[in-house]
Each structure stands twice: as structure tokens, then as C-alpha cells.
Protein backbone atom coordinates (compact mmCIF):
# COMPACT_ATOMS: atom_id res chain seq x y z
CA MET A 1 -35.05 -3.84 19.42
CA LYS A 2 -33.07 -1.99 16.16
CA ASP A 3 -33.12 1.68 16.12
CA LEU A 4 -34.71 1.97 12.99
CA TYR A 5 -37.18 0.15 11.40
CA THR A 6 -38.78 0.11 7.70
CA ILE A 7 -41.90 -0.80 6.28
CA TYR A 8 -42.94 -1.17 3.03
CA LEU A 9 -46.19 -0.98 1.61
CA ALA A 10 -47.75 -2.80 -1.02
CA GLY A 11 -51.47 -2.44 -2.24
CA ASP A 12 -53.65 -0.66 -4.29
CA SER A 13 -55.51 2.98 -4.52
CA THR A 14 -57.03 2.40 -0.67
CA VAL A 15 -53.65 2.21 0.49
CA ALA A 16 -52.17 4.30 -1.93
CA ASN A 17 -50.78 8.07 -2.22
CA CYS A 18 -53.23 10.09 -3.56
CA PRO A 19 -52.10 13.04 -5.80
CA SER A 20 -52.86 16.88 -4.63
CA HIS A 21 -55.77 16.93 -7.44
CA GLU A 22 -57.66 14.09 -5.61
CA ALA A 23 -57.12 15.54 -2.24
CA PRO A 24 -58.92 15.16 0.61
CA MET A 25 -59.17 11.43 -1.20
CA ALA A 26 -55.95 9.39 0.79
CA GLY A 27 -54.68 5.66 1.03
CA TRP A 28 -54.07 4.45 4.72
CA GLY A 29 -50.79 4.65 3.72
CA GLN A 30 -50.26 7.95 2.94
CA THR A 31 -50.97 9.01 6.71
CA PHE A 32 -49.54 6.28 8.28
CA HIS A 33 -46.21 7.71 9.28
CA GLU A 34 -48.17 10.18 11.46
CA PHE A 35 -48.40 7.49 14.18
CA PHE A 36 -44.86 6.49 14.59
CA SER A 37 -41.66 8.01 16.47
CA GLU A 38 -38.84 8.69 13.87
CA ASN A 39 -37.48 5.66 14.96
CA VAL A 40 -40.15 3.88 12.02
CA LEU A 41 -39.82 5.01 8.25
CA ILE A 42 -43.01 4.17 5.53
CA ILE A 43 -42.13 3.69 2.32
CA ASN A 44 -45.39 3.56 0.34
CA LYS A 45 -44.82 1.73 -2.82
CA ALA A 46 -49.19 1.02 -3.12
CA MET A 47 -50.44 2.00 -6.46
CA GLY A 48 -53.60 2.56 -7.57
CA GLY A 49 -55.23 0.35 -9.97
CA ARG A 50 -53.20 -2.84 -9.38
CA SER A 51 -53.95 -6.24 -8.34
CA SER A 52 -51.79 -8.49 -7.01
CA ASN A 53 -50.25 -9.44 -10.39
CA SER A 54 -50.28 -6.75 -12.58
CA PHE A 55 -47.58 -4.99 -9.35
CA ILE A 56 -45.49 -7.87 -10.22
CA GLU A 57 -45.67 -7.70 -14.05
CA GLU A 58 -44.85 -4.26 -13.57
CA GLY A 59 -41.51 -4.89 -11.89
CA ARG A 60 -42.77 -2.56 -8.85
CA LEU A 61 -42.02 -5.87 -6.29
CA GLU A 62 -38.85 -6.11 -7.99
CA ALA A 63 -38.51 -2.96 -7.20
CA ILE A 64 -38.97 -3.43 -3.27
CA LEU A 65 -36.97 -6.52 -3.45
CA ASN A 66 -34.26 -4.79 -4.48
CA GLU A 67 -34.27 -2.20 -1.82
CA ILE A 68 -35.82 -4.34 1.41
CA GLN A 69 -33.19 -4.89 4.49
CA PRO A 70 -33.15 -7.37 6.64
CA ASN A 71 -35.50 -7.41 9.29
CA ASP A 72 -37.48 -4.74 7.43
CA PHE A 73 -41.24 -5.15 6.90
CA LEU A 74 -43.12 -5.61 3.69
CA PHE A 75 -47.59 -4.88 4.39
CA ILE A 76 -48.75 -6.64 1.39
CA GLN A 77 -52.67 -5.81 0.77
CA PHE A 78 -54.51 -6.53 -2.14
CA GLY A 79 -57.94 -8.12 -3.60
CA HIS A 80 -60.29 -5.23 -4.77
CA ASN A 81 -58.09 -5.28 -8.40
CA ASP A 82 -58.07 -8.43 -8.16
CA GLN A 83 -61.53 -8.92 -9.24
CA LYS A 84 -60.83 -7.17 -12.59
CA SER A 85 -60.35 -8.76 -16.20
CA TYR A 86 -56.47 -8.59 -15.22
CA GLY A 87 -56.47 -10.02 -12.16
CA THR A 88 -56.72 -13.22 -10.41
CA GLU A 89 -58.67 -16.12 -9.05
CA PRO A 90 -59.13 -16.43 -4.81
CA TYR A 91 -57.42 -19.84 -4.79
CA SER A 92 -55.44 -20.55 -7.09
CA THR A 93 -53.45 -17.33 -8.81
CA PHE A 94 -54.42 -14.79 -6.13
CA GLN A 95 -52.58 -16.94 -3.77
CA THR A 96 -49.72 -18.19 -6.42
CA SER A 97 -49.57 -14.26 -6.68
CA LEU A 98 -49.38 -13.23 -2.68
CA THR A 99 -46.58 -16.05 -2.29
CA GLU A 100 -44.18 -14.63 -4.55
CA TYR A 101 -44.31 -11.20 -2.16
CA ILE A 102 -43.72 -13.86 0.97
CA VAL A 103 -40.97 -15.59 -0.34
CA GLY A 104 -39.18 -12.30 -1.68
CA ALA A 105 -39.53 -10.67 1.28
CA ARG A 106 -38.41 -13.66 3.41
CA ALA A 107 -35.61 -14.52 0.89
CA LYS A 108 -34.44 -10.90 1.45
CA GLY A 109 -34.15 -11.69 5.02
CA ALA A 110 -37.37 -9.09 5.59
CA VAL A 111 -40.64 -9.93 7.41
CA PRO A 112 -43.96 -10.86 5.02
CA ILE A 113 -47.24 -9.34 6.88
CA LEU A 114 -51.02 -9.97 4.61
CA ILE A 115 -53.44 -7.62 5.10
CA THR A 116 -57.04 -8.58 4.04
CA PRO A 117 -58.46 -6.21 1.48
CA VAL A 118 -60.46 -3.46 3.17
CA HIS A 119 -64.52 -3.39 3.07
CA ARG A 120 -66.38 -0.69 0.27
CA ARG A 121 -69.09 0.84 1.63
CA ARG A 122 -72.58 -1.29 0.63
CA PHE A 123 -74.55 -1.85 3.09
CA ASN A 124 -78.09 -3.24 2.51
CA GLU A 125 -81.22 -2.21 3.62
CA GLU A 126 -80.68 -3.58 7.27
CA GLY A 127 -77.46 -1.46 7.69
CA LYS A 128 -75.43 -4.18 7.54
CA LEU A 129 -72.18 -4.04 4.97
CA GLU A 130 -72.23 -6.88 1.80
CA ASN A 131 -69.62 -8.55 0.90
CA SER A 132 -68.34 -7.10 -1.75
CA LEU A 133 -64.99 -8.59 -2.32
CA GLY A 134 -65.78 -12.43 -2.59
CA GLU A 135 -63.40 -15.19 -1.51
CA TYR A 136 -60.26 -12.64 -1.76
CA PRO A 137 -60.11 -12.29 1.97
CA ASN A 138 -60.92 -15.98 2.93
CA ALA A 139 -58.15 -16.89 0.54
CA MET A 140 -55.76 -14.89 1.80
CA ARG A 141 -56.44 -15.71 5.34
CA GLN A 142 -55.94 -19.14 4.26
CA LEU A 143 -52.85 -18.56 2.63
CA ALA A 144 -51.34 -16.44 5.69
CA GLU A 145 -52.35 -20.03 7.72
CA LYS A 146 -50.55 -22.40 5.36
CA LEU A 147 -46.86 -20.06 5.21
CA ASP A 148 -47.35 -18.89 8.56
CA VAL A 149 -47.29 -15.34 7.91
CA PRO A 150 -48.44 -12.99 10.48
CA LEU A 151 -52.21 -11.75 9.00
CA ILE A 152 -53.82 -7.86 9.51
CA ASP A 153 -57.51 -8.53 9.01
CA LEU A 154 -58.87 -5.26 7.89
CA TRP A 155 -61.73 -6.83 5.78
CA ALA A 156 -62.90 -7.43 9.59
CA LYS A 157 -61.85 -4.68 11.36
CA THR A 158 -63.31 -2.21 8.38
CA LYS A 159 -66.45 -4.16 8.67
CA GLU A 160 -66.54 -3.45 12.39
CA LEU A 161 -66.18 -0.19 11.74
CA TYR A 162 -67.99 0.81 9.30
CA GLU A 163 -71.47 -0.56 10.95
CA GLU A 164 -70.71 0.55 14.02
CA LEU A 165 -70.72 4.37 12.57
CA GLY A 166 -73.54 3.44 10.11
CA ILE A 167 -75.10 4.33 7.01
CA GLU A 168 -74.64 7.76 7.53
CA GLY A 169 -72.09 7.78 9.86
CA SER A 170 -69.31 5.97 7.56
CA LYS A 171 -69.65 8.41 4.81
CA LYS A 172 -66.91 10.47 6.44
CA LEU A 173 -64.66 8.08 6.21
CA PHE A 174 -64.73 8.19 2.37
CA THR A 175 -64.66 10.63 -0.68
CA ILE A 176 -68.01 11.64 -0.25
CA PHE A 177 -69.31 15.15 -0.78
CA LYS A 178 -71.69 17.31 -1.60
CA PRO A 179 -71.59 20.24 -4.45
CA ASN A 180 -69.46 23.21 -3.74
CA GLU A 181 -67.76 21.22 -0.53
CA GLN A 182 -64.42 20.56 -1.58
CA PRO A 183 -62.86 22.51 -4.32
CA ASN A 184 -61.21 19.41 -6.19
CA TYR A 185 -64.79 18.18 -6.41
CA PRO A 186 -66.61 21.16 -7.48
CA ASN A 187 -69.74 18.74 -8.87
CA GLY A 188 -69.51 16.59 -5.77
CA ILE A 189 -68.73 13.06 -5.37
CA GLU A 190 -69.73 9.88 -3.92
CA ASP A 191 -66.75 7.41 -3.61
CA ASN A 192 -67.39 4.36 -1.65
CA THR A 193 -64.30 2.35 -2.07
CA HIS A 194 -61.51 5.46 -1.24
CA PHE A 195 -61.48 6.64 1.97
CA SER A 196 -61.38 10.98 2.84
CA GLU A 197 -58.07 11.76 4.76
CA HIS A 198 -59.89 11.06 8.01
CA GLY A 199 -60.94 7.70 6.75
CA ALA A 200 -57.47 7.05 6.04
CA LYS A 201 -56.15 7.72 9.76
CA GLU A 202 -59.28 5.55 10.91
CA VAL A 203 -58.11 2.84 9.01
CA GLY A 204 -54.51 3.23 9.93
CA LYS A 205 -55.65 3.11 13.39
CA LEU A 206 -56.78 -0.34 12.77
CA VAL A 207 -53.42 -1.46 11.20
CA ILE A 208 -51.56 -0.35 14.83
CA GLU A 209 -54.30 -2.33 16.73
CA GLU A 210 -53.45 -5.22 14.93
CA MET A 211 -49.82 -4.55 15.38
CA ARG A 212 -50.31 -4.45 18.67
CA GLU A 213 -52.29 -8.13 18.25
CA LEU A 214 -49.75 -9.47 16.47
CA GLN A 215 -46.95 -7.55 19.20
CA LEU A 216 -44.70 -6.75 16.50
CA PRO A 217 -41.82 -4.92 17.51
CA ILE A 218 -42.32 -2.37 15.68
CA ALA A 219 -45.54 -1.60 17.53
CA GLY A 220 -43.71 -0.70 20.32
CA TYR A 221 -42.85 2.89 18.31
CA VAL A 222 -46.25 3.96 18.14
CA ASN A 223 -46.54 7.28 19.34
CA ARG A 224 -50.25 8.77 18.73
CA VAL A 225 -53.26 7.22 18.17
């Protein structure tokens, strides 16, 4: 194994570092470094509001590819904002955009990893999660198989986690607070998309689980879960 591995994260607000005035809201990438020994460096380039295509259009992928080194990893998670008007269509432009990340990383000798988007917390009356992400998770799975890219299936993993915790228990994973419970949200907040710091760490654990299942060499440097 190498002495030092670097993981670049490309994604949206569910992965990104949140500003201090939004605390304790956090993307899972914000706390991800806590799981690793000093042999693994996490560079979180995820940015709120970005779709797979707008991330490219703003030059954010190019900036990563200018830095990334052979045997580094590029973790790629999009889907939420691809549903928006400036986004993509699952089986065409979404896959085309993701292919740019994959081809770009491989051209630099780096290892691309696709990550399906996390579920939003949207339950039906039977306590089962509703799919609010359409065909984007399936489109990513299809592309991973076609291009032989390792896949971390957070869409499946977060479904299991939220349903296990239930309608009430899953609230603690998200930025859901009563009035005067958190100083940054004096009027309270119910955000069923963005994680709390606790939720970010729990989702990070799911990523670690999948890394181990994929037998990625960096999984050997996990020092706490």
C-alpha cells in the first residue's frame, strides 16, 4: 500500500462542507476525514446546489483533474440537483456528464468511484421511504456496470438506515430542530434533505462499509467507525 492516499470528493450539498452559520448542518464529506489515519487525505470539493453538469461547467471538475495524482481516488456523487431545470436527464446527459469524471480521472491514473445519491427523508404512511430521486440512482448503477467503475450504493444504504430508524428516529440524522433548540435556527427548521453533523457521520459510516465491501486499499486505513 502507498504511504499516502488522497480522496477527492465531487458532489452537491449532501457531501459538501457547510458554512459555520449553517451548523450543525453538514455534508457527509465534512466529517469523513475523522474515520481515517493520517495516511489518507480528504479533499472535499463538493459544492451545494451543483448538478453533475453545472459542476463541470463551472470548471470544478477541471480544477480537480489539474491536481489529482496517479492512484488518488475521485468519489463522485450527484443526482439531487440534476433533477432541476439546469440539470440533466438520467439516461442521457446525466450519464454523459458522469462519464467525463470517469474518463478524466482515469486519464490521470486516478481511480473513479461512483456514489448513488442519498435518499431524502420522505416517508409514506406505511413508514417506507418514497423514491424522490427518480431514475438517477438506476442510471448511475447502469453506467457503473457499463464502464466497470466501482459503485458505492448510498441510495440503497440510506434507505435501509432511515427505515430502520423510522419516521421519528430518522429525524436526528437531518437538520430538524425546534425553535430555540439551535442558535443558528432560532425559529426552528425542518430540512429533510441536509444532514446534521450526527447524520453526516452516520452516512460516512455507510460509505466506509461499502469501501470495505469493495476491498478498496484505502479501507485499510480506517481507524474508527
